[in-house]
Amino acid sequence: MTTTVQAIVVDCADAARSAAFWAAALGRTVDGDATEEFASIGIDGQPGELTWMFTKVPEPKSGKNRIHLDLCSSSPSADIDRLVALGATRVNDFDEDGIQWTTLTDPEGNEFDLVTQEPN
């Protein structure tokens, strides 16, 4: 038996707003039936593309994420500026053992990292 990831599901206060942020961040589009209660990216997606679903929940986020996303970039400065312009907040920069990344939060406060991709 094999298990695979079907989707990333994000709890949020406004599903359409969260989906819009992540779609723009990832260069994708929000599926056409987005509402404040539920929105998705790629629900009828192409093979190999991960589906994202956003669901409205009544309680606000509290505490640090137990799982977070790592995005990879070969142009971290430009991508950080782009993500911040989309609504992300820059939290901190790190450089450990030659690996560099920046922690940001999405408009709902969910942490994610932008990791500097090493040139080939």
Protein backbone atom coordinates (compact mmCIF):
# COMPACT_ATOMS: atom_id res chain seq x y z
CA MET A 1 0.00 0.00 0.00
CA THR A 2 1.24 3.48 -0.89
CA THR A 3 0.09 6.76 0.56
CA THR A 4 0.55 10.09 -1.13
CA VAL A 5 -0.23 13.70 -0.30
CA GLN A 6 -3.57 14.61 -1.87
CA ALA A 7 -3.64 18.27 -0.86
CA ILE A 8 -2.34 20.91 1.46
CA VAL A 9 -5.26 22.21 3.53
CA VAL A 10 -5.00 25.61 5.20
CA ASP A 11 -7.36 26.69 7.99
CA CYS A 12 -8.01 30.40 7.75
CA ALA A 13 -10.39 33.29 8.46
CA ASP A 14 -10.97 34.13 4.78
CA ALA A 15 -10.48 31.28 2.32
CA ALA A 16 -10.67 33.38 -0.85
CA ARG A 17 -8.09 35.88 0.45
CA SER A 18 -5.70 33.13 1.55
CA ALA A 19 -6.07 31.29 -1.75
CA ALA A 20 -5.39 34.51 -3.66
CA PHE A 21 -2.15 35.07 -1.72
CA TRP A 22 -0.86 31.53 -2.24
CA ALA A 23 -1.91 31.39 -5.89
CA ALA A 24 0.00 34.62 -6.58
CA ALA A 25 2.98 33.44 -4.53
CA LEU A 26 3.17 30.18 -6.48
CA GLY A 27 2.30 31.54 -9.93
CA ARG A 28 -0.98 29.62 -10.05
CA THR A 29 -4.65 30.59 -10.20
CA VAL A 30 -7.49 30.25 -7.73
CA ASP A 31 -10.22 27.88 -8.86
CA GLY A 32 -13.35 29.72 -10.03
CA ASP A 33 -15.70 28.91 -7.16
CA ALA A 34 -13.76 30.61 -4.34
CA THR A 35 -15.72 32.02 -1.40
CA GLU A 36 -14.83 33.29 2.05
CA GLU A 37 -15.70 29.81 3.37
CA PHE A 38 -13.82 27.61 0.85
CA ALA A 39 -11.35 28.13 -1.97
CA SER A 40 -8.92 25.93 -3.82
CA ILE A 41 -5.99 25.94 -6.20
CA GLY A 42 -5.73 23.09 -8.69
CA ILE A 43 -8.55 20.95 -7.35
CA ASP A 44 -8.92 19.50 -10.86
CA GLY A 45 -5.19 19.92 -11.35
CA GLN A 46 -2.58 18.53 -13.61
CA PRO A 47 -0.67 15.40 -12.63
CA GLY A 48 2.25 16.31 -10.40
CA GLU A 49 0.71 19.60 -9.23
CA LEU A 50 -0.29 19.71 -5.61
CA THR A 51 -3.85 20.74 -4.77
CA TRP A 52 -4.33 23.47 -2.16
CA MET A 53 -7.57 23.86 -0.23
CA PHE A 54 -8.48 26.72 2.11
CA THR A 55 -11.24 26.37 4.67
CA LYS A 56 -12.69 29.01 6.95
CA VAL A 57 -12.50 28.14 10.64
CA PRO A 58 -13.96 30.16 13.52
CA GLU A 59 -10.87 30.35 15.72
CA PRO A 60 -7.77 32.46 14.98
CA LYS A 61 -4.33 30.96 14.60
CA SER A 62 -2.50 30.60 17.89
CA GLY A 63 1.10 29.61 18.39
CA LYS A 64 3.76 28.43 15.98
CA ASN A 65 2.97 26.16 13.05
CA ARG A 66 3.84 22.51 13.68
CA ILE A 67 4.40 22.02 9.94
CA HIS A 68 5.50 24.71 7.54
CA LEU A 69 6.33 25.07 3.86
CA ASP A 70 9.79 25.66 2.46
CA LEU A 71 9.76 27.52 -0.84
CA CYS A 72 12.99 27.54 -2.84
CA SER A 73 14.31 30.54 -4.76
CA SER A 74 17.32 31.31 -6.91
CA SER A 75 16.50 35.05 -6.51
CA PRO A 76 15.64 35.33 -2.81
CA SER A 77 15.81 39.14 -2.50
CA ALA A 78 13.42 39.68 -5.41
CA ASP A 79 11.09 36.88 -4.25
CA ILE A 80 11.00 38.19 -0.67
CA ASP A 81 10.09 41.66 -1.97
CA ARG A 82 7.40 40.11 -4.20
CA LEU A 83 5.94 38.03 -1.36
CA VAL A 84 5.88 41.02 0.99
CA ALA A 85 4.12 43.08 -1.71
CA LEU A 86 1.51 40.28 -1.91
CA GLY A 87 0.86 40.52 1.85
CA ALA A 88 3.52 38.37 3.53
CA THR A 89 5.44 39.64 6.55
CA ARG A 90 9.19 39.12 6.84
CA VAL A 91 10.02 37.61 10.24
CA ASN A 92 13.73 36.77 10.29
CA ASP A 93 16.75 35.81 8.18
CA PHE A 94 18.92 32.77 8.90
CA ASP A 95 22.27 31.43 7.75
CA GLU A 96 23.25 28.11 9.28
CA ASP A 97 26.01 25.87 7.94
CA GLY A 98 25.91 27.68 4.60
CA ILE A 99 22.16 27.30 4.18
CA GLN A 100 20.29 30.59 3.98
CA TRP A 101 16.57 31.14 4.42
CA THR A 102 14.08 33.78 5.40
CA THR A 103 11.05 33.06 7.54
CA LEU A 104 7.89 34.89 6.54
CA THR A 105 4.21 34.70 7.43
CA ASP A 106 1.29 34.69 5.03
CA PRO A 107 -1.57 37.19 5.57
CA GLU A 108 -3.17 34.76 8.08
CA GLY A 109 0.03 34.50 10.14
CA ASN A 110 1.12 31.03 8.94
CA GLU A 111 4.89 30.71 8.89
CA PHE A 112 6.80 29.59 5.81
CA ASP A 113 10.42 29.76 4.71
CA LEU A 114 12.03 30.95 1.51
CA VAL A 115 15.25 28.98 1.09
CA THR A 116 18.06 30.22 -1.13
CA GLN A 117 18.62 27.75 -3.94
CA GLU A 118 22.27 27.05 -4.61
CA PRO A 119 23.34 27.65 -8.23
CA ASN A 120 24.02 24.46 -10.20
